[in-house]
């Protein structure tokens, strides 16, 4: 085990050295005028977040008279999300888009954003996660770890899909092995939903469902369609159980290095990017449903209240201090 950790650290260190070497010449344009921030991204260049961040870079360049822009590196080009967080901390990568669950490694209280049925819609999520009065103190705790949250982006709405039958109630998931993100929270979530949670790398899921090792998975329509899971798991059921944010993170030194005017321009353009991303998600979901339907997928609604009731114990278990309870209550109050 120790050897694996050492190998991982060496690999990240080597990547960091390589990126640092590249950045010494690559951050500046030929005229020496433009600082190009590197943004690590684990999805494809058709993803709503990729589009929103790329356009943010274009607007930032215009707003700052060419002083700053962004270049997004998709498909884990700069490493896995876990690795790119370390590279941001080290200053080798400027920004990274990472799943909200990964920030629990730095402060367990971030679990409040990753619980079932916390958010009612992508607009509710965007407005509360990015409200300093609700999340500001929690975000501030990451600075001690050389991390700063720039914004929380919508990451899609997760639903259950499988190869056997439509899901209507938690009882329908009995005996089904469903792929989940590797975390105790997600394993417990799937247990309460009636299934058996099975952590697995995303790249292995298609073959696992096809061979019967898995019965299905839980994810948004975009992943379902683009990874062709509709071919081997045609039943997509709208449990809408999870809507955790993805966070654009940076090293605090990046923001400190900008002038107040440029920093203000950047934050304003981030707000625009959040709104743009919401529209792109609408388009992506429509496109993905069309692709999946043509591949044979069947979509159905579920007994939402049955799933909400089943997952209440998990929410109670995880909201175990004043910080998480306060943030959660504020989020839910904003939905009413």
C-alpha atoms as a PDB file:
ATOM      1  CA  UNK A   1       0.000   0.000   0.000  1.00  0.00           C
ATOM      2  CA  UNK A   2       2.785   2.405   0.924  1.00  0.00           C
ATOM      3  CA  UNK A   3       4.548   1.615  -2.336  1.00  0.00           C
ATOM      4  CA  UNK A   4       1.405   2.569  -4.319  1.00  0.00           C
ATOM      5  CA  UNK A   5       1.190   5.886  -2.492  1.00  0.00           C
ATOM      6  CA  UNK A   6       4.852   6.610  -3.231  1.00  0.00           C
ATOM      7  CA  UNK A   7       4.389   5.738  -6.902  1.00  0.00           C
ATOM      8  CA  UNK A   8       1.353   8.022  -7.084  1.00  0.00           C
ATOM      9  CA  UNK A   9       3.237  10.897  -5.483  1.00  0.00           C
ATOM     10  CA  UNK A  10       6.163  10.409  -7.860  1.00  0.00           C
ATOM     11  CA  UNK A  11       3.787  10.393 -10.840  1.00  0.00           C
ATOM     12  CA  UNK A  12       2.043  13.571  -9.728  1.00  0.00           C
ATOM     13  CA  UNK A  13       5.398  15.183  -9.010  1.00  0.00           C
ATOM     14  CA  UNK A  14       6.698  14.287 -12.457  1.00  0.00           C
ATOM     15  CA  UNK A  15       3.575  15.713 -14.073  1.00  0.00           C
ATOM     16  CA  UNK A  16       3.918  18.847 -11.985  1.00  0.00           C
ATOM     17  CA  UNK A  17       7.535  19.312 -13.093  1.00  0.00           C
ATOM     18  CA  UNK A  18       6.519  18.808 -16.709  1.00  0.00           C
ATOM     19  CA  UNK A  19       3.710  21.319 -16.478  1.00  0.00           C
ATOM     20  CA  UNK A  20       5.955  23.825 -14.715  1.00  0.00           C
ATOM     21  CA  UNK A  21       8.552  23.471 -17.427  1.00  0.00           C
ATOM     22  CA  UNK A  22       5.926  24.000 -20.118  1.00  0.00           C
ATOM     23  CA  UNK A  23       4.371  26.955 -18.359  1.00  0.00           C
ATOM     24  CA  UNK A  24       7.638  28.879 -18.184  1.00  0.00           C
ATOM     25  CA  UNK A  25       7.318  29.585 -21.896  1.00  0.00           C
ATOM     26  CA  UNK A  26       3.703  28.721 -22.623  1.00  0.00           C
ATOM     27  CA  UNK A  27       1.872  31.087 -20.279  1.00  0.00           C
ATOM     28  CA  UNK A  28       2.820  34.160 -22.273  1.00  0.00           C
ATOM     29  CA  UNK A  29       1.836  35.007 -25.818  1.00  0.00           C
ATOM     30  CA  UNK A  30       4.517  35.832 -28.347  1.00  0.00           C
ATOM     31  CA  UNK A  31       4.295  39.506 -27.431  1.00  0.00           C
ATOM     32  CA  UNK A  32       4.593  38.655 -23.732  1.00  0.00           C
ATOM     33  CA  UNK A  33       1.216  40.208 -23.038  1.00  0.00           C
ATOM     34  CA  UNK A  34      -1.237  37.394 -22.247  1.00  0.00           C
ATOM     35  CA  UNK A  35      -1.209  35.078 -19.264  1.00  0.00           C
ATOM     36  CA  UNK A  36      -2.947  31.835 -20.263  1.00  0.00           C
ATOM     37  CA  UNK A  37      -4.390  29.992 -17.293  1.00  0.00           C
ATOM     38  CA  UNK A  38      -4.472  26.193 -17.620  1.00  0.00           C
ATOM     39  CA  UNK A  39      -7.812  24.599 -16.662  1.00  0.00           C
ATOM     40  CA  UNK A  40      -7.887  20.848 -15.992  1.00  0.00           C
ATOM     41  CA  UNK A  41     -11.115  19.155 -17.066  1.00  0.00           C
ATOM     42  CA  UNK A  42     -12.059  15.470 -17.010  1.00  0.00           C
ATOM     43  CA  UNK A  43     -14.950  15.498 -19.504  1.00  0.00           C
ATOM     44  CA  UNK A  44     -15.058  15.905 -23.292  1.00  0.00           C
ATOM     45  CA  UNK A  45     -14.907  19.134 -25.273  1.00  0.00           C
ATOM     46  CA  UNK A  46     -18.653  18.878 -25.974  1.00  0.00           C
ATOM     47  CA  UNK A  47     -19.595  19.075 -22.287  1.00  0.00           C
ATOM     48  CA  UNK A  48     -21.633  22.119 -21.116  1.00  0.00           C
ATOM     49  CA  UNK A  49     -18.940  23.043 -18.581  1.00  0.00           C
ATOM     50  CA  UNK A  50     -16.218  22.948 -21.245  1.00  0.00           C
ATOM     51  CA  UNK A  51     -18.196  25.295 -23.466  1.00  0.00           C
ATOM     52  CA  UNK A  52     -18.973  27.702 -20.620  1.00  0.00           C
ATOM     53  CA  UNK A  53     -15.366  27.862 -19.358  1.00  0.00           C
ATOM     54  CA  UNK A  54     -13.901  28.227 -22.858  1.00  0.00           C
ATOM     55  CA  UNK A  55     -16.197  31.161 -23.578  1.00  0.00           C
ATOM     56  CA  UNK A  56     -15.352  32.588 -20.149  1.00  0.00           C
ATOM     57  CA  UNK A  57     -11.705  32.642 -21.228  1.00  0.00           C
ATOM     58  CA  UNK A  58     -12.558  34.498 -24.415  1.00  0.00           C
ATOM     59  CA  UNK A  59     -14.546  37.138 -22.549  1.00  0.00           C
ATOM     60  CA  UNK A  60     -11.871  37.452 -19.862  1.00  0.00           C
ATOM     61  CA  UNK A  61      -9.264  38.198 -22.518  1.00  0.00           C
ATOM     62  CA  UNK A  62     -11.469  40.951 -23.919  1.00  0.00           C
ATOM     63  CA  UNK A  63     -12.364  42.391 -20.499  1.00  0.00           C
ATOM     64  CA  UNK A  64      -8.706  42.536 -19.382  1.00  0.00           C
ATOM     65  CA  UNK A  65      -7.362  43.960 -22.661  1.00  0.00           C
ATOM     66  CA  UNK A  66      -5.543  40.711 -23.375  1.00  0.00           C
ATOM     67  CA  UNK A  67      -3.852  40.292 -20.001  1.00  0.00           C
ATOM     68  CA  UNK A  68      -5.593  37.022 -19.120  1.00  0.00           C
ATOM     69  CA  UNK A  69      -7.297  34.126 -20.860  1.00  0.00           C
ATOM     70  CA  UNK A  70      -8.089  30.458 -20.162  1.00  0.00           C
ATOM     71  CA  UNK A  71      -7.193  27.233 -21.968  1.00  0.00           C
ATOM     72  CA  UNK A  72      -9.263  24.190 -21.031  1.00  0.00           C
ATOM     73  CA  UNK A  73      -7.602  20.754 -21.240  1.00  0.00           C
ATOM     74  CA  UNK A  74     -10.404  18.128 -21.573  1.00  0.00           C
ATOM     75  CA  UNK A  75     -10.429  14.323 -21.208  1.00  0.00           C
ATOM     76  CA  UNK A  76      -8.161  14.240 -18.130  1.00  0.00           C
ATOM     77  CA  UNK A  77      -5.241  15.457 -20.269  1.00  0.00           C
ATOM     78  CA  UNK A  78      -3.640  16.948 -17.163  1.00  0.00           C
ATOM     79  CA  UNK A  79      -4.522  14.007 -14.918  1.00  0.00           C
ATOM     80  CA  UNK A  80      -7.391  12.642 -12.872  1.00  0.00           C
ATOM     81  CA  UNK A  81      -9.474  15.037 -10.790  1.00  0.00           C
ATOM     82  CA  UNK A  82      -7.696  13.929  -7.617  1.00  0.00           C
ATOM     83  CA  UNK A  83      -4.293  14.511  -9.215  1.00  0.00           C
ATOM     84  CA  UNK A  84      -5.222  17.903 -10.640  1.00  0.00           C
ATOM     85  CA  UNK A  85      -6.324  19.128  -7.214  1.00  0.00           C
ATOM     86  CA  UNK A  86      -2.791  18.375  -6.000  1.00  0.00           C
ATOM     87  CA  UNK A  87      -1.345  20.166  -9.026  1.00  0.00           C
ATOM     88  CA  UNK A  88      -3.481  23.235  -8.295  1.00  0.00           C
ATOM     89  CA  UNK A  89      -2.253  23.197  -4.717  1.00  0.00           C
ATOM     90  CA  UNK A  90       1.332  23.027  -5.972  1.00  0.00           C
ATOM     91  CA  UNK A  91       0.756  25.860  -8.452  1.00  0.00           C
ATOM     92  CA  UNK A  92       1.486  23.699 -11.521  1.00  0.00           C
ATOM     93  CA  UNK A  93      -2.088  23.911 -12.855  1.00  0.00           C
ATOM     94  CA  UNK A  94      -4.053  27.134 -12.467  1.00  0.00           C
ATOM     95  CA  UNK A  95      -7.629  25.841 -12.271  1.00  0.00           C
ATOM     96  CA  UNK A  96      -9.386  22.465 -12.109  1.00  0.00           C
ATOM     97  CA  UNK A  97     -13.020  21.406 -12.345  1.00  0.00           C
ATOM     98  CA  UNK A  98     -13.596  18.709  -9.718  1.00  0.00           C
ATOM     99  CA  UNK A  99     -16.496  16.733  -8.288  1.00  0.00           C
ATOM    100  CA  UNK A 100     -17.907  18.123  -5.065  1.00  0.00           C
ATOM    101  CA  UNK A 101     -17.331  14.843  -3.243  1.00  0.00           C
ATOM    102  CA  UNK A 102     -13.548  15.233  -3.587  1.00  0.00           C
ATOM    103  CA  UNK A 103     -13.566  18.366  -1.445  1.00  0.00           C
ATOM    104  CA  UNK A 104     -14.808  16.277   1.469  1.00  0.00           C
ATOM    105  CA  UNK A 105     -11.198  15.058   1.710  1.00  0.00           C
ATOM    106  CA  UNK A 106     -10.210  18.575   2.828  1.00  0.00           C
ATOM    107  CA  UNK A 107     -13.275  19.377   4.922  1.00  0.00           C
ATOM    108  CA  UNK A 108     -15.890  16.672   5.618  1.00  0.00           C
ATOM    109  CA  UNK A 109     -18.537  19.388   5.939  1.00  0.00           C
ATOM    110  CA  UNK A 110     -18.597  19.676   2.140  1.00  0.00           C
ATOM    111  CA  UNK A 111     -20.800  16.572   2.277  1.00  0.00           C
ATOM    112  CA  UNK A 112     -23.736  18.968   2.720  1.00  0.00           C
ATOM    113  CA  UNK A 113     -23.595  19.725  -1.030  1.00  0.00           C
ATOM    114  CA  UNK A 114     -23.453  16.038  -1.974  1.00  0.00           C
ATOM    115  CA  UNK A 115     -26.535  14.653  -0.240  1.00  0.00           C
ATOM    116  CA  UNK A 116     -29.673  13.334  -1.977  1.00  0.00           C
ATOM    117  CA  UNK A 117     -32.475  15.778  -2.710  1.00  0.00           C
ATOM    118  CA  UNK A 118     -30.574  18.795  -1.373  1.00  0.00           C
ATOM    119  CA  UNK A 119     -31.372  20.829  -4.494  1.00  0.00           C
ATOM    120  CA  UNK A 120     -34.678  21.107  -6.317  1.00  0.00           C
ATOM    121  CA  UNK A 121     -33.304  22.320  -9.654  1.00  0.00           C
ATOM    122  CA  UNK A 122     -30.115  23.453 -11.332  1.00  0.00           C
ATOM    123  CA  UNK A 123     -31.146  27.085 -10.760  1.00  0.00           C
ATOM    124  CA  UNK A 124     -31.715  26.443  -7.060  1.00  0.00           C
ATOM    125  CA  UNK A 125     -28.316  24.743  -6.899  1.00  0.00           C
ATOM    126  CA  UNK A 126     -26.472  27.555  -8.704  1.00  0.00           C
ATOM    127  CA  UNK A 127     -28.054  30.306  -6.628  1.00  0.00           C
ATOM    128  CA  UNK A 128     -27.410  28.681  -3.244  1.00  0.00           C
ATOM    129  CA  UNK A 129     -23.994  27.104  -3.747  1.00  0.00           C
ATOM    130  CA  UNK A 130     -22.663  30.405  -5.066  1.00  0.00           C
ATOM    131  CA  UNK A 131     -24.308  32.560  -2.400  1.00  0.00           C
ATOM    132  CA  UNK A 132     -21.531  33.774  -0.034  1.00  0.00           C
ATOM    133  CA  UNK A 133     -24.020  34.090   2.818  1.00  0.00           C
ATOM    134  CA  UNK A 134     -24.724  30.358   2.554  1.00  0.00           C
ATOM    135  CA  UNK A 135     -21.419  28.817   1.459  1.00  0.00           C
ATOM    136  CA  UNK A 136     -18.819  31.537   2.046  1.00  0.00           C
ATOM    137  CA  UNK A 137     -17.519  30.360   5.431  1.00  0.00           C
ATOM    138  CA  UNK A 138     -17.288  26.759   4.263  1.00  0.00           C
ATOM    139  CA  UNK A 139     -15.404  27.750   1.098  1.00  0.00           C
ATOM    140  CA  UNK A 140     -13.018  29.852   3.174  1.00  0.00           C
ATOM    141  CA  UNK A 141     -11.809  26.766   5.078  1.00  0.00           C
ATOM    142  CA  UNK A 142     -10.114  25.398   1.958  1.00  0.00           C
ATOM    143  CA  UNK A 143      -7.599  28.239   1.773  1.00  0.00           C
ATOM    144  CA  UNK A 144      -5.566  26.584   4.523  1.00  0.00           C
ATOM    145  CA  UNK A 145      -5.065  23.754   2.010  1.00  0.00           C
ATOM    146  CA  UNK A 146      -3.965  26.107  -0.804  1.00  0.00           C
ATOM    147  CA  UNK A 147      -7.352  25.819  -2.503  1.00  0.00           C
ATOM    148  CA  UNK A 148      -9.977  28.399  -3.348  1.00  0.00           C
ATOM    149  CA  UNK A 149     -13.436  27.714  -4.751  1.00  0.00           C
ATOM    150  CA  UNK A 150     -14.134  29.994  -7.691  1.00  0.00           C
ATOM    151  CA  UNK A 151     -17.686  28.744  -8.262  1.00  0.00           C
ATOM    152  CA  UNK A 152     -19.958  25.722  -8.044  1.00  0.00           C
ATOM    153  CA  UNK A 153     -21.186  24.525 -11.448  1.00  0.00           C
ATOM    154  CA  UNK A 154     -24.119  22.261 -12.250  1.00  0.00           C
ATOM    155  CA  UNK A 155     -22.997  18.690 -12.901  1.00  0.00           C
ATOM    156  CA  UNK A 156     -26.234  17.171 -14.129  1.00  0.00           C
ATOM    157  CA  UNK A 157     -28.997  15.296 -12.299  1.00  0.00           C
ATOM    158  CA  UNK A 158     -28.267  11.679 -11.471  1.00  0.00           C
ATOM    159  CA  UNK A 159     -30.855   8.967 -12.111  1.00  0.00           C
ATOM    160  CA  UNK A 160     -30.781   5.159 -12.041  1.00  0.00           C
ATOM    161  CA  UNK A 161     -30.571   3.011 -15.163  1.00  0.00           C
ATOM    162  CA  UNK A 162     -30.370  -0.766 -15.537  1.00  0.00           C
ATOM    163  CA  UNK A 163     -30.613  -3.720 -17.897  1.00  0.00           C
ATOM    164  CA  UNK A 164     -33.573  -5.498 -16.272  1.00  0.00           C
ATOM    165  CA  UNK A 165     -36.704  -3.378 -15.867  1.00  0.00           C
ATOM    166  CA  UNK A 166     -38.096   0.106 -15.156  1.00  0.00           C
ATOM    167  CA  UNK A 167     -37.614   1.261 -11.556  1.00  0.00           C
ATOM    168  CA  UNK A 168     -40.625   2.768  -9.798  1.00  0.00           C
ATOM    169  CA  UNK A 169     -39.934   2.295  -6.072  1.00  0.00           C
ATOM    170  CA  UNK A 170     -36.893   1.366  -3.941  1.00  0.00           C
ATOM    171  CA  UNK A 171     -38.192  -2.209  -3.802  1.00  0.00           C
ATOM    172  CA  UNK A 172     -37.582  -2.526  -7.552  1.00  0.00           C
ATOM    173  CA  UNK A 173     -33.828  -2.125  -7.010  1.00  0.00           C
ATOM    174  CA  UNK A 174     -33.664  -5.135  -4.701  1.00  0.00           C
ATOM    175  CA  UNK A 175     -30.879  -7.492  -5.809  1.00  0.00           C
ATOM    176  CA  UNK A 176     -29.483  -5.065  -8.400  1.00  0.00           C
ATOM    177  CA  UNK A 177     -25.792  -4.156  -8.414  1.00  0.00           C
ATOM    178  CA  UNK A 178     -25.567  -0.467  -9.309  1.00  0.00           C
ATOM    179  CA  UNK A 179     -22.326   1.369 -10.006  1.00  0.00           C
ATOM    180  CA  UNK A 180     -21.786   4.360  -7.709  1.00  0.00           C
ATOM    181  CA  UNK A 181     -18.996   6.842  -7.049  1.00  0.00           C
ATOM    182  CA  UNK A 182     -16.527   5.400  -4.553  1.00  0.00           C
ATOM    183  CA  UNK A 183     -17.464   6.917  -1.207  1.00  0.00           C
ATOM    184  CA  UNK A 184     -19.142   5.731   1.970  1.00  0.00           C
ATOM    185  CA  UNK A 185     -21.914   8.260   1.387  1.00  0.00           C
ATOM    186  CA  UNK A 186     -22.772   6.885  -2.038  1.00  0.00           C
ATOM    187  CA  UNK A 187     -22.617   3.266  -0.908  1.00  0.00           C
ATOM    188  CA  UNK A 188     -25.011   4.030   1.929  1.00  0.00           C
ATOM    189  CA  UNK A 189     -27.222   5.999  -0.472  1.00  0.00           C
ATOM    190  CA  UNK A 190     -27.655   3.060  -2.835  1.00  0.00           C
ATOM    191  CA  UNK A 191     -28.265   0.684   0.068  1.00  0.00           C
ATOM    192  CA  UNK A 192     -31.152   2.861   1.263  1.00  0.00           C
ATOM    193  CA  UNK A 193     -32.455   3.147  -2.300  1.00  0.00           C
ATOM    194  CA  UNK A 194     -32.852  -0.634  -2.332  1.00  0.00           C
ATOM    195  CA  UNK A 195     -29.889  -1.670  -4.457  1.00  0.00           C
ATOM    196  CA  UNK A 196     -26.322  -2.796  -3.875  1.00  0.00           C
ATOM    197  CA  UNK A 197     -23.780  -0.032  -4.532  1.00  0.00           C
ATOM    198  CA  UNK A 198     -20.682  -1.125  -6.436  1.00  0.00           C
ATOM    199  CA  UNK A 199     -17.777   1.334  -6.849  1.00  0.00           C
ATOM    200  CA  UNK A 200     -16.094   1.092 -10.234  1.00  0.00           C
ATOM    201  CA  UNK A 201     -14.123   3.248 -12.659  1.00  0.00           C
ATOM    202  CA  UNK A 202     -16.334   4.872 -15.293  1.00  0.00           C
ATOM    203  CA  UNK A 203     -14.374   3.267 -18.110  1.00  0.00           C
ATOM    204  CA  UNK A 204     -15.251  -0.228 -16.856  1.00  0.00           C
ATOM    205  CA  UNK A 205     -18.999   0.242 -16.498  1.00  0.00           C
ATOM    206  CA  UNK A 206     -20.086  -0.614 -20.068  1.00  0.00           C
ATOM    207  CA  UNK A 207     -18.365  -3.994 -20.064  1.00  0.00           C
ATOM    208  CA  UNK A 208     -19.487  -4.728 -16.509  1.00  0.00           C
ATOM    209  CA  UNK A 209     -23.163  -4.186 -17.363  1.00  0.00           C
ATOM    210  CA  UNK A 210     -22.811  -6.046 -20.640  1.00  0.00           C
ATOM    211  CA  UNK A 211     -21.302  -9.074 -18.889  1.00  0.00           C
ATOM    212  CA  UNK A 212     -23.749  -9.018 -15.974  1.00  0.00           C
ATOM    213  CA  UNK A 213     -21.213  -8.037 -13.319  1.00  0.00           C
ATOM    214  CA  UNK A 214     -23.330  -4.910 -12.849  1.00  0.00           C
ATOM    215  CA  UNK A 215     -27.070  -4.536 -13.316  1.00  0.00           C
ATOM    216  CA  UNK A 216     -26.783  -0.831 -13.987  1.00  0.00           C
ATOM    217  CA  UNK A 217     -25.493   2.541 -12.808  1.00  0.00           C
ATOM    218  CA  UNK A 218     -26.640   6.003 -11.759  1.00  0.00           C
ATOM    219  CA  UNK A 219     -25.709   9.110 -13.684  1.00  0.00           C
ATOM    220  CA  UNK A 220     -27.045  11.953 -15.818  1.00  0.00           C
ATOM    221  CA  UNK A 221     -28.454  11.670 -19.343  1.00  0.00           C
ATOM    222  CA  UNK A 222     -25.256  12.983 -20.937  1.00  0.00           C
ATOM    223  CA  UNK A 223     -23.045  10.229 -19.506  1.00  0.00           C
ATOM    224  CA  UNK A 224     -25.735   7.637 -20.232  1.00  0.00           C
ATOM    225  CA  UNK A 225     -25.913   8.583 -23.916  1.00  0.00           C
ATOM    226  CA  UNK A 226     -22.316   9.570 -24.668  1.00  0.00           C
ATOM    227  CA  UNK A 227     -20.839   6.428 -23.093  1.00  0.00           C
ATOM    228  CA  UNK A 228     -23.419   4.356 -24.989  1.00  0.00           C
ATOM    229  CA  UNK A 229     -24.797   2.774 -21.835  1.00  0.00           C
ATOM    230  CA  UNK A 230     -28.260   2.846 -23.415  1.00  0.00           C
ATOM    231  CA  UNK A 231     -27.101  -0.017 -25.621  1.00  0.00           C
ATOM    232  CA  UNK A 232     -26.776  -2.401 -22.680  1.00  0.00           C
ATOM    233  CA  UNK A 233     -29.051  -0.833 -20.003  1.00  0.00           C
ATOM    234  CA  UNK A 234     -32.170   0.456 -21.717  1.00  0.00           C
ATOM    235  CA  UNK A 235     -34.254   1.300 -18.635  1.00  0.00           C
ATOM    236  CA  UNK A 236     -33.586   4.867 -17.448  1.00  0.00           C
ATOM    237  CA  UNK A 237     -35.667   5.813 -14.401  1.00  0.00           C
ATOM    238  CA  UNK A 238     -36.002   9.406 -13.180  1.00  0.00           C
ATOM    239  CA  UNK A 239     -35.163   8.998  -9.494  1.00  0.00           C
ATOM    240  CA  UNK A 240     -33.502  12.466  -9.550  1.00  0.00           C
ATOM    241  CA  UNK A 241     -31.848  11.460  -6.308  1.00  0.00           C
ATOM    242  CA  UNK A 242     -28.617  13.398  -6.580  1.00  0.00           C
ATOM    243  CA  UNK A 243     -27.505  16.749  -7.946  1.00  0.00           C
ATOM    244  CA  UNK A 244     -24.111  17.517  -6.472  1.00  0.00           C
ATOM    245  CA  UNK A 245     -22.103  20.453  -7.854  1.00  0.00           C
ATOM    246  CA  UNK A 246     -18.755  20.409  -9.603  1.00  0.00           C
ATOM    247  CA  UNK A 247     -16.382  23.043  -8.279  1.00  0.00           C
ATOM    248  CA  UNK A 248     -13.966  25.177 -10.254  1.00  0.00           C
ATOM    249  CA  UNK A 249     -11.007  25.475  -7.875  1.00  0.00           C
ATOM    250  CA  UNK A 250      -7.762  27.417  -7.996  1.00  0.00           C
ATOM    251  CA  UNK A 251      -4.775  28.271  -5.835  1.00  0.00           C
ATOM    252  CA  UNK A 252      -5.455  31.451  -3.783  1.00  0.00           C
ATOM    253  CA  UNK A 253      -2.250  32.949  -5.216  1.00  0.00           C
ATOM    254  CA  UNK A 254      -3.860  33.059  -8.662  1.00  0.00           C
ATOM    255  CA  UNK A 255      -6.591  35.416  -7.547  1.00  0.00           C
ATOM    256  CA  UNK A 256      -4.197  37.421  -5.365  1.00  0.00           C
ATOM    257  CA  UNK A 257      -1.935  37.942  -8.379  1.00  0.00           C
ATOM    258  CA  UNK A 258      -4.609  39.780 -10.351  1.00  0.00           C
ATOM    259  CA  UNK A 259      -5.344  43.458  -9.982  1.00  0.00           C
ATOM    260  CA  UNK A 260      -8.597  44.357  -8.275  1.00  0.00           C
ATOM    261  CA  UNK A 261     -10.105  45.460 -11.586  1.00  0.00           C
ATOM    262  CA  UNK A 262      -9.117  42.249 -13.381  1.00  0.00           C
ATOM    263  CA  UNK A 263     -10.280  40.130 -10.465  1.00  0.00           C
ATOM    264  CA  UNK A 264     -13.665  41.868 -10.546  1.00  0.00           C
ATOM    265  CA  UNK A 265     -13.944  41.307 -14.293  1.00  0.00           C
ATOM    266  CA  UNK A 266     -13.079  37.647 -13.830  1.00  0.00           C
ATOM    267  CA  UNK A 267     -15.723  37.114 -11.133  1.00  0.00           C
ATOM    268  CA  UNK A 268     -18.365  38.868 -13.234  1.00  0.00           C
ATOM    269  CA  UNK A 269     -17.578  36.651 -16.210  1.00  0.00           C
ATOM    270  CA  UNK A 270     -17.731  33.548 -13.991  1.00  0.00           C
ATOM    271  CA  UNK A 271     -21.290  34.550 -13.066  1.00  0.00           C
ATOM    272  CA  UNK A 272     -22.123  34.772 -16.769  1.00  0.00           C
ATOM    273  CA  UNK A 273     -20.511  31.355 -17.342  1.00  0.00           C
ATOM    274  CA  UNK A 274     -22.744  29.818 -14.675  1.00  0.00           C
ATOM    275  CA  UNK A 275     -25.848  31.127 -16.446  1.00  0.00           C
ATOM    276  CA  UNK A 276     -24.565  29.996 -19.849  1.00  0.00           C
ATOM    277  CA  UNK A 277     -23.815  26.513 -18.528  1.00  0.00           C
ATOM    278  CA  UNK A 278     -27.419  26.117 -17.385  1.00  0.00           C
ATOM    279  CA  UNK A 279     -28.643  26.757 -20.926  1.00  0.00           C
ATOM    280  CA  UNK A 280     -26.062  24.383 -22.390  1.00  0.00           C
ATOM    281  CA  UNK A 281     -27.242  21.665 -19.991  1.00  0.00           C
ATOM    282  CA  UNK A 282     -30.797  22.015 -21.302  1.00  0.00           C
ATOM    283  CA  UNK A 283     -29.507  21.500 -24.845  1.00  0.00           C
ATOM    284  CA  UNK A 284     -27.285  18.605 -23.772  1.00  0.00           C
ATOM    285  CA  UNK A 285     -30.080  16.761 -21.984  1.00  0.00           C
ATOM    286  CA  UNK A 286     -32.383  17.088 -25.010  1.00  0.00           C
ATOM    287  CA  UNK A 287     -29.621  15.859 -27.327  1.00  0.00           C
ATOM    288  CA  UNK A 288     -28.712  12.976 -25.013  1.00  0.00           C
ATOM    289  CA  UNK A 289     -32.293  11.752 -24.639  1.00  0.00           C
ATOM    290  CA  UNK A 290     -32.629  11.706 -28.415  1.00  0.00           C
ATOM    291  CA  UNK A 291     -29.403   9.701 -28.830  1.00  0.00           C
ATOM    292  CA  UNK A 292     -30.341   7.245 -26.084  1.00  0.00           C
ATOM    293  CA  UNK A 293     -33.894   6.769 -27.400  1.00  0.00           C
ATOM    294  CA  UNK A 294     -32.553   5.906 -30.849  1.00  0.00           C
ATOM    295  CA  UNK A 295     -30.309   3.332 -29.154  1.00  0.00           C
ATOM    296  CA  UNK A 296     -33.370   1.704 -27.569  1.00  0.00           C
ATOM    297  CA  UNK A 297     -33.627   3.472 -24.201  1.00  0.00           C
ATOM    298  CA  UNK A 298     -36.916   3.693 -22.326  1.00  0.00           C
ATOM    299  CA  UNK A 299     -37.415   6.597 -19.885  1.00  0.00           C
ATOM    300  CA  UNK A 300     -39.882   6.517 -17.002  1.00  0.00           C
ATOM    301  CA  UNK A 301     -40.915   8.570 -13.970  1.00  0.00           C
ATOM    302  CA  UNK A 302     -40.773   7.046 -10.468  1.00  0.00           C
ATOM    303  CA  UNK A 303     -42.450   7.387  -7.089  1.00  0.00           C
ATOM    304  CA  UNK A 304     -40.234  10.301  -6.023  1.00  0.00           C
ATOM    305  CA  UNK A 305     -41.694  10.519  -2.527  1.00  0.00           C
ATOM    306  CA  UNK A 306     -40.825   6.869  -1.867  1.00  0.00           C
ATOM    307  CA  UNK A 307     -37.176   7.550  -2.687  1.00  0.00           C
ATOM    308  CA  UNK A 308     -37.118  10.761  -0.638  1.00  0.00           C
ATOM    309  CA  UNK A 309     -38.466   8.892   2.363  1.00  0.00           C
ATOM    310  CA  UNK A 310     -35.994   6.043   1.914  1.00  0.00           C
ATOM    311  CA  UNK A 311     -33.024   8.426   1.871  1.00  0.00           C
ATOM    312  CA  UNK A 312     -33.978  10.556   4.875  1.00  0.00           C
ATOM    313  CA  UNK A 313     -31.800   8.474   7.256  1.00  0.00           C
ATOM    314  CA  UNK A 314     -28.685   9.281   5.209  1.00  0.00           C
ATOM    315  CA  UNK A 315     -29.368  13.013   5.383  1.00  0.00           C
ATOM    316  CA  UNK A 316     -29.869  12.779   9.138  1.00  0.00           C
ATOM    317  CA  UNK A 317     -26.646  10.789   9.559  1.00  0.00           C
ATOM    318  CA  UNK A 318     -24.512  13.236   7.580  1.00  0.00           C
ATOM    319  CA  UNK A 319     -25.877  16.489   8.991  1.00  0.00           C
ATOM    320  CA  UNK A 320     -24.083  15.910  12.262  1.00  0.00           C
ATOM    321  CA  UNK A 321     -22.885  19.394  13.281  1.00  0.00           C
ATOM    322  CA  UNK A 322     -24.017  23.016  13.346  1.00  0.00           C
ATOM    323  CA  UNK A 323     -22.132  23.931  10.154  1.00  0.00           C
ATOM    324  CA  UNK A 324     -23.712  21.307   7.918  1.00  0.00           C
ATOM    325  CA  UNK A 325     -27.142  21.770   9.478  1.00  0.00           C
ATOM    326  CA  UNK A 326     -26.943  25.539   9.000  1.00  0.00           C
ATOM    327  CA  UNK A 327     -25.874  25.336   5.345  1.00  0.00           C
ATOM    328  CA  UNK A 328     -28.445  22.642   4.567  1.00  0.00           C
ATOM    329  CA  UNK A 329     -31.277  24.579   6.237  1.00  0.00           C
ATOM    330  CA  UNK A 330     -30.348  27.711   4.303  1.00  0.00           C
ATOM    331  CA  UNK A 331     -30.317  25.790   1.011  1.00  0.00           C
ATOM    332  CA  UNK A 332     -33.687  24.223   1.675  1.00  0.00           C
ATOM    333  CA  UNK A 333     -35.185  27.540   2.846  1.00  0.00           C
ATOM    334  CA  UNK A 334     -34.196  29.093  -0.492  1.00  0.00           C
ATOM    335  CA  UNK A 335     -36.227  26.444  -2.311  1.00  0.00           C
ATOM    336  CA  UNK A 336     -39.473  27.476  -0.626  1.00  0.00           C
END
